[in-house]
Amino acid sequence: MESLIFPLLIALLAVPLFLQARKQKRAMQEQQKLQNSLATGDRVMTTSGLFGTIVGTTDDSIELEIAPNLVTTWVRAAIREKVETESADSVAADSEVDVASDGELTPATEVKSDESQGEVATPIEQQKN
C-alpha cells in the first residue's frame, strides 16, 4: 500500500502541469494565427489597450493609425486582438447621430446654448467656515 502512494502522488502533480502546458500551447498557437492574419485596414487593439487601424505591415512591425494622420509603429507581438468595426448606420442608431449624405456624422439633436449643462461645485476654500 505504501509503495503505491509515491507514484500516485507524482501522477496527481504531473496531470495539472501537463494540462496547463497544453492550454498555454493552444493560446500561443491562437496568438500566432492572429499575428499572421493581420492585414492593412484591420482595426486592432494593442496589449496596452490602444485602438488603431493598420496602415502598413512588415515582417516584425505594424504601423497603426491611431488618429487622423497620426501613424505609430508597433511590434507585431503588441497586437492583442482584432476589433470588429461598426458601420456608420449602426453608430447613428446607437448614439442618436445622423449620417449626412456626404458620410459625415452630425448630432441628431442640438443643445440649446441657454440650457444648463450641469452645476459647478463650490471651491473647497470657500466651503470652509
N, C-alpha and C. Protein backbone atom coordinates (compact mmCIF):
# COMPACT_ATOMS: atom_id res chain seq x y z
N MET A 1 0.82 -1.19 0.00
CA MET A 1 0.00 0.00 0.00
C MET A 1 0.87 1.26 0.00
N GLU A 2 1.89 1.28 0.84
CA GLU A 2 2.76 2.44 0.93
C GLU A 2 3.57 2.62 -0.35
N SER A 3 3.83 1.55 -1.06
CA SER A 3 4.61 1.66 -2.29
C SER A 3 3.80 2.31 -3.42
N LEU A 4 2.47 2.34 -3.33
CA LEU A 4 1.62 2.95 -4.34
C LEU A 4 1.39 4.45 -4.11
N ILE A 5 1.62 4.93 -2.92
CA ILE A 5 1.36 6.34 -2.60
C ILE A 5 2.29 7.28 -3.37
N PHE A 6 3.57 6.95 -3.42
CA PHE A 6 4.52 7.84 -4.10
C PHE A 6 4.24 7.97 -5.60
N PRO A 7 4.03 6.88 -6.36
CA PRO A 7 3.69 7.03 -7.78
C PRO A 7 2.36 7.76 -7.99
N LEU A 8 1.40 7.53 -7.13
CA LEU A 8 0.11 8.20 -7.22
C LEU A 8 0.26 9.70 -6.97
N LEU A 9 1.07 10.07 -6.01
CA LEU A 9 1.33 11.47 -5.71
C LEU A 9 2.01 12.17 -6.89
N ILE A 10 2.97 11.51 -7.50
CA ILE A 10 3.64 12.08 -8.67
C ILE A 10 2.65 12.25 -9.82
N ALA A 11 1.79 11.27 -10.03
CA ALA A 11 0.79 11.36 -11.10
C ALA A 11 -0.19 12.52 -10.84
N LEU A 12 -0.59 12.72 -9.59
CA LEU A 12 -1.50 13.82 -9.26
C LEU A 12 -0.85 15.18 -9.48
N LEU A 13 0.44 15.28 -9.34
CA LEU A 13 1.13 16.54 -9.59
C LEU A 13 1.43 16.74 -11.06
N ALA A 14 1.66 15.67 -11.79
CA ALA A 14 2.03 15.76 -13.20
C ALA A 14 0.84 16.10 -14.10
N VAL A 15 -0.34 15.61 -13.79
CA VAL A 15 -1.51 15.84 -14.64
C VAL A 15 -1.84 17.33 -14.76
N PRO A 16 -1.94 18.10 -13.67
CA PRO A 16 -2.23 19.54 -13.84
C PRO A 16 -1.13 20.28 -14.62
N LEU A 17 0.11 19.90 -14.42
CA LEU A 17 1.20 20.53 -15.17
C LEU A 17 1.05 20.26 -16.67
N PHE A 18 0.71 19.05 -17.02
CA PHE A 18 0.50 18.67 -18.41
C PHE A 18 -0.66 19.45 -19.02
N LEU A 19 -1.78 19.55 -18.29
CA LEU A 19 -2.95 20.27 -18.80
C LEU A 19 -2.65 21.76 -18.96
N GLN A 20 -1.90 22.34 -18.04
CA GLN A 20 -1.53 23.76 -18.14
C GLN A 20 -0.63 24.01 -19.35
N ALA A 21 0.29 23.11 -19.60
CA ALA A 21 1.18 23.25 -20.75
C ALA A 21 0.40 23.19 -22.05
N ARG A 22 -0.60 22.32 -22.14
CA ARG A 22 -1.43 22.23 -23.34
C ARG A 22 -2.23 23.51 -23.55
N LYS A 23 -2.78 24.06 -22.46
CA LYS A 23 -3.56 25.29 -22.54
C LYS A 23 -2.69 26.45 -23.02
N GLN A 24 -1.47 26.54 -22.49
CA GLN A 24 -0.56 27.61 -22.88
C GLN A 24 -0.14 27.46 -24.35
N LYS A 25 0.11 26.23 -24.78
CA LYS A 25 0.49 25.99 -26.17
C LYS A 25 -0.64 26.39 -27.12
N ARG A 26 -1.88 26.07 -26.75
CA ARG A 26 -3.04 26.42 -27.57
C ARG A 26 -3.19 27.94 -27.67
N ALA A 27 -2.98 28.67 -26.56
CA ALA A 27 -3.06 30.13 -26.57
C ALA A 27 -1.97 30.73 -27.46
N MET A 28 -0.78 30.16 -27.42
CA MET A 28 0.31 30.65 -28.27
C MET A 28 -0.01 30.42 -29.74
N GLN A 29 -0.62 29.28 -30.07
CA GLN A 29 -0.98 29.00 -31.45
C GLN A 29 -2.05 29.98 -31.95
N GLU A 30 -3.02 30.31 -31.09
CA GLU A 30 -4.06 31.27 -31.47
C GLU A 30 -3.45 32.65 -31.69
N GLN A 31 -2.52 33.06 -30.83
CA GLN A 31 -1.87 34.35 -30.97
C GLN A 31 -1.05 34.40 -32.27
N GLN A 32 -0.36 33.32 -32.59
CA GLN A 32 0.42 33.26 -33.83
C GLN A 32 -0.49 33.33 -35.05
N LYS A 33 -1.64 32.67 -34.98
CA LYS A 33 -2.61 32.72 -36.06
C LYS A 33 -3.11 34.15 -36.26
N LEU A 34 -3.37 34.86 -35.17
CA LEU A 34 -3.79 36.25 -35.25
C LEU A 34 -2.71 37.11 -35.89
N GLN A 35 -1.46 36.93 -35.45
CA GLN A 35 -0.34 37.72 -35.98
C GLN A 35 -0.20 37.53 -37.50
N ASN A 36 -0.39 36.31 -37.95
CA ASN A 36 -0.25 36.00 -39.38
C ASN A 36 -1.42 36.52 -40.21
N SER A 37 -2.58 36.73 -39.58
CA SER A 37 -3.75 37.15 -40.33
C SER A 37 -3.92 38.66 -40.40
N LEU A 38 -3.06 39.43 -39.74
CA LEU A 38 -3.20 40.89 -39.73
C LEU A 38 -2.92 41.45 -41.12
N ALA A 39 -3.78 42.37 -41.54
CA ALA A 39 -3.63 42.97 -42.87
C ALA A 39 -4.00 44.45 -42.81
N THR A 40 -3.60 45.19 -43.81
CA THR A 40 -3.91 46.61 -43.89
C THR A 40 -5.43 46.81 -43.86
N GLY A 41 -5.87 47.77 -43.06
CA GLY A 41 -7.29 48.06 -42.94
C GLY A 41 -7.95 47.43 -41.73
N ASP A 42 -7.28 46.46 -41.08
CA ASP A 42 -7.86 45.83 -39.90
C ASP A 42 -7.84 46.79 -38.72
N ARG A 43 -8.89 46.81 -37.95
CA ARG A 43 -8.96 47.60 -36.71
C ARG A 43 -8.52 46.66 -35.60
N VAL A 44 -7.54 47.10 -34.79
CA VAL A 44 -6.96 46.24 -33.77
C VAL A 44 -6.83 46.97 -32.43
N MET A 45 -6.60 46.18 -31.38
CA MET A 45 -6.31 46.73 -30.05
C MET A 45 -4.95 46.18 -29.63
N THR A 46 -4.11 47.05 -29.09
CA THR A 46 -2.79 46.62 -28.63
C THR A 46 -2.90 46.05 -27.22
N THR A 47 -1.82 45.47 -26.73
CA THR A 47 -1.82 44.91 -25.38
C THR A 47 -1.97 46.00 -24.33
N SER A 48 -1.68 47.25 -24.67
CA SER A 48 -1.85 48.35 -23.73
C SER A 48 -3.23 48.99 -23.83
N GLY A 49 -4.08 48.48 -24.72
CA GLY A 49 -5.45 48.97 -24.83
C GLY A 49 -5.66 50.08 -25.84
N LEU A 50 -4.68 50.36 -26.66
CA LEU A 50 -4.78 51.41 -27.68
C LEU A 50 -5.42 50.83 -28.93
N PHE A 51 -6.42 51.53 -29.46
CA PHE A 51 -7.10 51.10 -30.67
C PHE A 51 -6.52 51.83 -31.87
N GLY A 52 -6.43 51.15 -33.00
CA GLY A 52 -5.92 51.76 -34.21
C GLY A 52 -6.26 50.92 -35.42
N THR A 53 -5.97 51.50 -36.58
CA THR A 53 -6.20 50.82 -37.85
C THR A 53 -4.85 50.58 -38.50
N ILE A 54 -4.64 49.36 -38.97
CA ILE A 54 -3.37 49.01 -39.60
C ILE A 54 -3.28 49.69 -40.96
N VAL A 55 -2.19 50.46 -41.16
CA VAL A 55 -1.97 51.12 -42.45
C VAL A 55 -0.75 50.58 -43.17
N GLY A 56 0.05 49.76 -42.48
CA GLY A 56 1.22 49.17 -43.11
C GLY A 56 1.78 48.05 -42.26
N THR A 57 2.38 47.06 -42.90
CA THR A 57 2.96 45.94 -42.17
C THR A 57 4.31 45.57 -42.75
N THR A 58 5.17 45.03 -41.89
CA THR A 58 6.43 44.41 -42.31
C THR A 58 6.47 43.06 -41.61
N ASP A 59 7.59 42.34 -41.73
CA ASP A 59 7.68 41.02 -41.10
C ASP A 59 7.56 41.08 -39.58
N ASP A 60 8.12 42.13 -38.96
CA ASP A 60 8.13 42.18 -37.49
C ASP A 60 7.48 43.41 -36.89
N SER A 61 6.94 44.32 -37.71
CA SER A 61 6.29 45.51 -37.16
C SER A 61 5.03 45.86 -37.93
N ILE A 62 4.22 46.70 -37.28
CA ILE A 62 2.95 47.14 -37.86
C ILE A 62 2.82 48.63 -37.63
N GLU A 63 2.33 49.34 -38.64
CA GLU A 63 2.07 50.77 -38.50
C GLU A 63 0.58 50.95 -38.25
N LEU A 64 0.26 51.61 -37.12
CA LEU A 64 -1.13 51.85 -36.75
C LEU A 64 -1.47 53.32 -36.87
N GLU A 65 -2.62 53.60 -37.46
CA GLU A 65 -3.14 54.97 -37.46
C GLU A 65 -4.07 55.06 -36.26
N ILE A 66 -3.66 55.84 -35.26
CA ILE A 66 -4.43 55.93 -34.02
C ILE A 66 -5.31 57.17 -33.98
N ALA A 67 -5.08 58.10 -34.89
CA ALA A 67 -5.90 59.30 -35.09
C ALA A 67 -5.68 59.72 -36.53
N PRO A 68 -6.53 60.60 -37.05
CA PRO A 68 -6.33 61.02 -38.44
C PRO A 68 -4.92 61.58 -38.65
N ASN A 69 -4.21 61.01 -39.59
CA ASN A 69 -2.85 61.42 -39.96
C ASN A 69 -1.83 61.25 -38.83
N LEU A 70 -2.09 60.38 -37.86
CA LEU A 70 -1.13 60.09 -36.79
C LEU A 70 -0.84 58.59 -36.82
N VAL A 71 0.33 58.25 -37.35
CA VAL A 71 0.71 56.84 -37.53
C VAL A 71 1.86 56.51 -36.59
N THR A 72 1.73 55.40 -35.85
CA THR A 72 2.77 54.93 -34.95
C THR A 72 3.19 53.53 -35.36
N THR A 73 4.42 53.16 -35.02
CA THR A 73 4.94 51.84 -35.37
C THR A 73 4.99 50.96 -34.13
N TRP A 74 4.49 49.74 -34.26
CA TRP A 74 4.40 48.79 -33.14
C TRP A 74 5.02 47.46 -33.55
N VAL A 75 5.53 46.73 -32.59
CA VAL A 75 5.98 45.36 -32.80
C VAL A 75 4.72 44.50 -32.98
N ARG A 76 4.77 43.55 -33.89
CA ARG A 76 3.59 42.70 -34.14
C ARG A 76 3.06 42.04 -32.86
N ALA A 77 3.96 41.66 -31.97
CA ALA A 77 3.55 40.98 -30.73
C ALA A 77 2.71 41.87 -29.83
N ALA A 78 2.72 43.18 -30.07
CA ALA A 78 1.94 44.10 -29.24
C ALA A 78 0.47 44.12 -29.61
N ILE A 79 0.10 43.46 -30.69
CA ILE A 79 -1.31 43.42 -31.11
C ILE A 79 -2.00 42.31 -30.33
N ARG A 80 -3.03 42.71 -29.57
CA ARG A 80 -3.74 41.75 -28.72
C ARG A 80 -4.89 41.08 -29.44
N GLU A 81 -5.68 41.87 -30.19
CA GLU A 81 -6.84 41.29 -30.86
C GLU A 81 -7.35 42.20 -31.97
N LYS A 82 -8.08 41.58 -32.89
CA LYS A 82 -8.79 42.34 -33.92
C LYS A 82 -10.09 42.84 -33.30
N VAL A 83 -10.50 44.03 -33.71
CA VAL A 83 -11.73 44.61 -33.18
C VAL A 83 -12.72 44.72 -34.32
N GLU A 84 -13.93 44.30 -34.07
CA GLU A 84 -14.98 44.42 -35.08
C GLU A 84 -15.36 45.89 -35.20
N THR A 85 -15.43 46.40 -36.42
CA THR A 85 -15.81 47.79 -36.63
C THR A 85 -17.30 47.87 -36.85
N GLU A 86 -17.89 48.96 -36.35
CA GLU A 86 -19.31 49.19 -36.55
C GLU A 86 -19.50 50.05 -37.78
N SER A 87 -20.56 49.79 -38.51
CA SER A 87 -20.84 50.62 -39.68
C SER A 87 -21.40 51.96 -39.22
N ALA A 88 -21.36 52.95 -40.08
CA ALA A 88 -21.86 54.28 -39.75
C ALA A 88 -23.35 54.24 -39.42
N ASP A 89 -24.11 53.34 -40.05
CA ASP A 89 -25.54 53.24 -39.78
C ASP A 89 -25.81 52.76 -38.36
N SER A 90 -25.07 51.76 -37.89
CA SER A 90 -25.30 51.25 -36.54
C SER A 90 -24.83 52.25 -35.50
N VAL A 91 -23.76 53.01 -35.78
CA VAL A 91 -23.31 54.05 -34.86
C VAL A 91 -24.38 55.11 -34.75
N ALA A 92 -24.99 55.49 -35.87
CA ALA A 92 -26.03 56.50 -35.86
C ALA A 92 -27.23 56.05 -35.05
N ALA A 93 -27.61 54.80 -35.16
CA ALA A 93 -28.76 54.30 -34.42
C ALA A 93 -28.48 54.21 -32.93
N ASP A 94 -27.27 53.81 -32.57
CA ASP A 94 -26.94 53.63 -31.16
C ASP A 94 -26.72 54.94 -30.42
N SER A 95 -26.17 55.95 -31.07
CA SER A 95 -25.79 57.17 -30.35
C SER A 95 -26.54 58.40 -30.81
N GLU A 96 -27.69 58.24 -31.42
CA GLU A 96 -28.52 59.34 -31.90
C GLU A 96 -27.71 60.32 -32.72
N VAL A 97 -27.07 59.81 -33.75
CA VAL A 97 -26.27 60.61 -34.65
C VAL A 97 -26.82 60.42 -36.06
N ASP A 98 -26.94 61.53 -36.79
CA ASP A 98 -27.40 61.46 -38.17
C ASP A 98 -26.22 61.31 -39.10
N VAL A 99 -26.41 60.55 -40.18
CA VAL A 99 -25.38 60.41 -41.19
C VAL A 99 -25.79 61.27 -42.37
N ALA A 100 -24.99 62.31 -42.65
CA ALA A 100 -25.29 63.20 -43.77
C ALA A 100 -25.02 62.49 -45.08
N SER A 101 -25.47 63.07 -46.18
CA SER A 101 -25.31 62.43 -47.48
C SER A 101 -23.84 62.28 -47.87
N ASP A 102 -22.97 63.13 -47.32
CA ASP A 102 -21.55 63.02 -47.64
C ASP A 102 -20.81 62.07 -46.70
N GLY A 103 -21.54 61.37 -45.82
CA GLY A 103 -20.93 60.40 -44.91
C GLY A 103 -20.47 61.00 -43.59
N GLU A 104 -20.65 62.30 -43.41
CA GLU A 104 -20.24 62.98 -42.18
C GLU A 104 -21.26 62.72 -41.08
N LEU A 105 -20.79 62.44 -39.86
CA LEU A 105 -21.67 62.22 -38.73
C LEU A 105 -21.97 63.55 -38.06
N THR A 106 -23.27 63.83 -37.81
CA THR A 106 -23.67 65.06 -37.13
C THR A 106 -24.62 64.71 -36.01
N PRO A 107 -24.65 65.50 -34.92
CA PRO A 107 -25.57 65.20 -33.82
C PRO A 107 -27.02 65.25 -34.30
N ALA A 108 -27.85 64.34 -33.79
CA ALA A 108 -29.25 64.30 -34.19
C ALA A 108 -30.03 65.45 -33.58
N THR A 109 -29.67 65.87 -32.39
CA THR A 109 -30.34 66.99 -31.75
C THR A 109 -29.30 67.99 -31.29
N GLU A 110 -29.63 69.26 -31.41
CA GLU A 110 -28.70 70.30 -30.98
C GLU A 110 -29.02 70.71 -29.56
N VAL A 111 -28.02 71.05 -28.79
CA VAL A 111 -28.21 71.51 -27.42
C VAL A 111 -28.33 73.02 -27.46
N LYS A 112 -29.38 73.52 -26.84
CA LYS A 112 -29.58 74.97 -26.81
C LYS A 112 -28.55 75.60 -25.88
N SER A 113 -28.03 76.75 -26.29
CA SER A 113 -26.96 77.38 -25.51
C SER A 113 -27.44 77.90 -24.17
N ASP A 114 -28.75 78.17 -23.99
CA ASP A 114 -29.23 78.70 -22.71
C ASP A 114 -29.59 77.59 -21.72
N GLU A 115 -29.53 76.31 -22.15
CA GLU A 115 -29.82 75.21 -21.24
C GLU A 115 -28.65 74.97 -20.32
N SER A 116 -28.94 74.60 -19.09
CA SER A 116 -27.89 74.31 -18.12
C SER A 116 -27.27 72.96 -18.45
N GLN A 117 -25.95 72.91 -18.49
CA GLN A 117 -25.25 71.68 -18.78
C GLN A 117 -24.83 70.95 -17.51
N GLY A 118 -25.05 71.53 -16.37
CA GLY A 118 -24.67 70.91 -15.11
C GLY A 118 -24.35 71.99 -14.09
N GLU A 119 -24.08 71.57 -12.89
CA GLU A 119 -23.76 72.52 -11.83
C GLU A 119 -22.28 72.43 -11.51
N VAL A 120 -21.73 73.57 -11.14
CA VAL A 120 -20.33 73.63 -10.77
C VAL A 120 -20.26 73.65 -9.25
N ALA A 121 -19.42 72.82 -8.68
CA ALA A 121 -19.28 72.75 -7.23
C ALA A 121 -18.57 73.98 -6.71
N THR A 122 -18.89 74.34 -5.48
CA THR A 122 -18.23 75.47 -4.83
C THR A 122 -16.81 75.06 -4.49
N PRO A 123 -15.81 75.94 -4.76
CA PRO A 123 -14.43 75.60 -4.41
C PRO A 123 -14.28 75.27 -2.93
N ILE A 124 -13.39 74.35 -2.62
CA ILE A 124 -13.20 73.88 -1.25
C ILE A 124 -12.82 75.02 -0.32
N GLU A 125 -12.03 75.98 -0.80
CA GLU A 125 -11.60 77.09 0.04
C GLU A 125 -12.79 77.90 0.53
N GLN A 126 -13.82 78.01 -0.27
CA GLN A 126 -15.00 78.80 0.10
C GLN A 126 -15.95 78.01 0.98
N GLN A 127 -15.86 76.68 0.98
CA GLN A 127 -16.75 75.85 1.78
C GLN A 127 -16.36 75.86 3.24
N LYS A 128 -15.09 76.05 3.57
CA LYS A 128 -14.64 76.05 4.94
C LYS A 128 -15.02 77.35 5.61
N ASN A 129 -15.66 77.29 6.78
CA ASN A 129 -16.06 78.49 7.53
C ASN A 129 -15.50 78.46 8.91
